[in-house]
Amino acid sequence: MDRLARVFAKNEGLFLTPTGEGLLVVPLVEDVADMSKVFSLNGTAQFLWESLDGRRDGHALSELLHQEFQVGLEQARADVSDFLASIENVLAHARP
């Protein structure tokens, strides 16, 4: 299935802390940080992360990225697809 056709929502149980250049996301397992799965999100990835609301699919996220950062729509789609692939099953879950 096309990753962009899926809707993503953030997993619960994450510790988030801003960095100077983005956001550090640490999964918690039984209230303990799982340092093997730490993600550092740059400003663009942070924007996408904050846009994961469980209602928007990858196409809608691509349109948001296109508008916010004034990149071409095809580039936005490729960037969103890469972002979703990198966080899937670790930081977010998807539904068709």
Protein backbone atom coordinates (compact mmCIF):
# COMPACT_ATOMS: atom_id res chain seq x y z
CA MET A 1 0.00 0.00 0.00
CA ASP A 2 1.11 3.53 -0.75
CA ARG A 3 2.62 4.93 2.46
CA LEU A 4 1.23 8.39 1.64
CA ALA A 5 -2.31 7.01 1.58
CA ARG A 6 -2.04 5.96 5.23
CA VAL A 7 -2.89 8.01 8.31
CA PHE A 8 -0.27 8.17 11.04
CA ALA A 9 -0.65 9.02 14.72
CA LYS A 10 2.00 9.46 17.40
CA ASN A 11 2.57 6.64 19.83
CA GLU A 12 1.95 7.33 23.48
CA GLY A 13 4.83 6.91 25.89
CA LEU A 14 7.37 9.23 24.35
CA PHE A 15 9.65 11.72 26.03
CA LEU A 16 10.09 14.84 23.90
CA THR A 17 12.63 17.55 24.47
CA PRO A 18 13.51 20.47 22.23
CA THR A 19 17.07 20.88 21.06
CA GLY A 20 18.63 23.96 19.55
CA GLU A 21 17.82 22.71 16.07
CA GLY A 22 14.78 20.47 16.43
CA LEU A 23 13.35 17.86 18.73
CA LEU A 24 14.72 14.82 20.53
CA VAL A 25 12.21 11.96 20.79
CA VAL A 26 12.87 9.12 23.23
CA PRO A 27 10.54 6.12 23.40
CA LEU A 28 9.68 4.97 26.93
CA VAL A 29 9.31 1.30 27.79
CA GLU A 30 7.68 0.78 31.16
CA ASP A 31 8.58 4.39 32.02
CA VAL A 32 12.26 3.82 31.18
CA ALA A 33 13.93 5.56 28.24
CA ASP A 34 14.84 3.20 25.40
CA MET A 35 18.06 4.90 24.33
CA SER A 36 18.51 2.45 21.45
CA LYS A 37 15.59 4.07 19.63
CA VAL A 38 16.25 7.77 20.19
CA PHE A 39 15.32 10.00 17.26
CA SER A 40 16.66 13.47 16.62
CA LEU A 41 14.31 15.46 14.41
CA ASN A 42 15.48 18.52 12.52
CA GLY A 43 13.17 21.51 12.05
CA THR A 44 11.42 20.04 9.02
CA ALA A 45 10.92 16.65 10.65
CA GLN A 46 9.69 18.40 13.81
CA PHE A 47 7.10 20.23 11.71
CA LEU A 48 5.92 16.91 10.27
CA TRP A 49 5.95 15.26 13.71
CA GLU A 50 3.78 18.02 15.15
CA SER A 51 1.41 17.61 12.20
CA LEU A 52 0.77 13.90 12.93
CA ASP A 53 -2.73 14.12 14.34
CA GLY A 54 -4.27 10.78 13.45
CA ARG A 55 -6.47 12.45 10.80
CA ARG A 56 -4.10 13.58 8.05
CA ASP A 57 -2.71 11.10 5.58
CA GLY A 58 0.70 11.37 3.97
CA HIS A 59 -0.73 13.29 1.01
CA ALA A 60 -2.12 15.95 3.36
CA LEU A 61 1.22 16.10 5.19
CA SER A 62 2.97 16.55 1.84
CA GLU A 63 0.69 19.47 1.01
CA LEU A 64 1.42 21.05 4.41
CA LEU A 65 5.16 20.65 3.88
CA HIS A 66 4.86 22.07 0.35
CA GLN A 67 3.05 25.15 1.65
CA GLU A 68 5.10 25.72 4.80
CA PHE A 69 8.56 25.30 3.28
CA GLN A 70 7.76 26.26 -0.33
CA VAL A 71 9.29 23.13 -1.81
CA GLY A 72 7.98 21.38 -4.88
CA LEU A 73 5.08 19.02 -4.26
CA GLU A 74 6.96 15.99 -5.62
CA GLN A 75 9.91 16.77 -3.33
CA ALA A 76 7.51 17.19 -0.41
CA ARG A 77 5.95 13.80 -1.16
CA ALA A 78 9.36 12.13 -1.27
CA ASP A 79 10.43 13.82 1.97
CA VAL A 80 7.20 12.87 3.78
CA SER A 81 7.46 9.27 2.55
CA ASP A 82 11.05 9.05 3.84
CA PHE A 83 10.04 10.62 7.17
CA LEU A 84 7.12 8.22 7.65
CA ALA A 85 9.29 5.23 6.78
CA SER A 86 11.86 6.26 9.36
CA ILE A 87 9.39 6.64 12.23
CA GLU A 88 6.90 3.89 11.41
CA ASN A 89 6.50 1.25 14.11
CA VAL A 90 8.84 3.08 16.46
CA LEU A 91 7.37 6.50 17.07
CA ALA A 92 4.08 6.35 15.24
CA HIS A 93 1.53 3.83 14.09
CA ALA A 94 -0.36 3.81 10.83
CA ARG A 95 -3.77 2.75 9.71
CA PRO A 96 -5.03 2.39 6.15
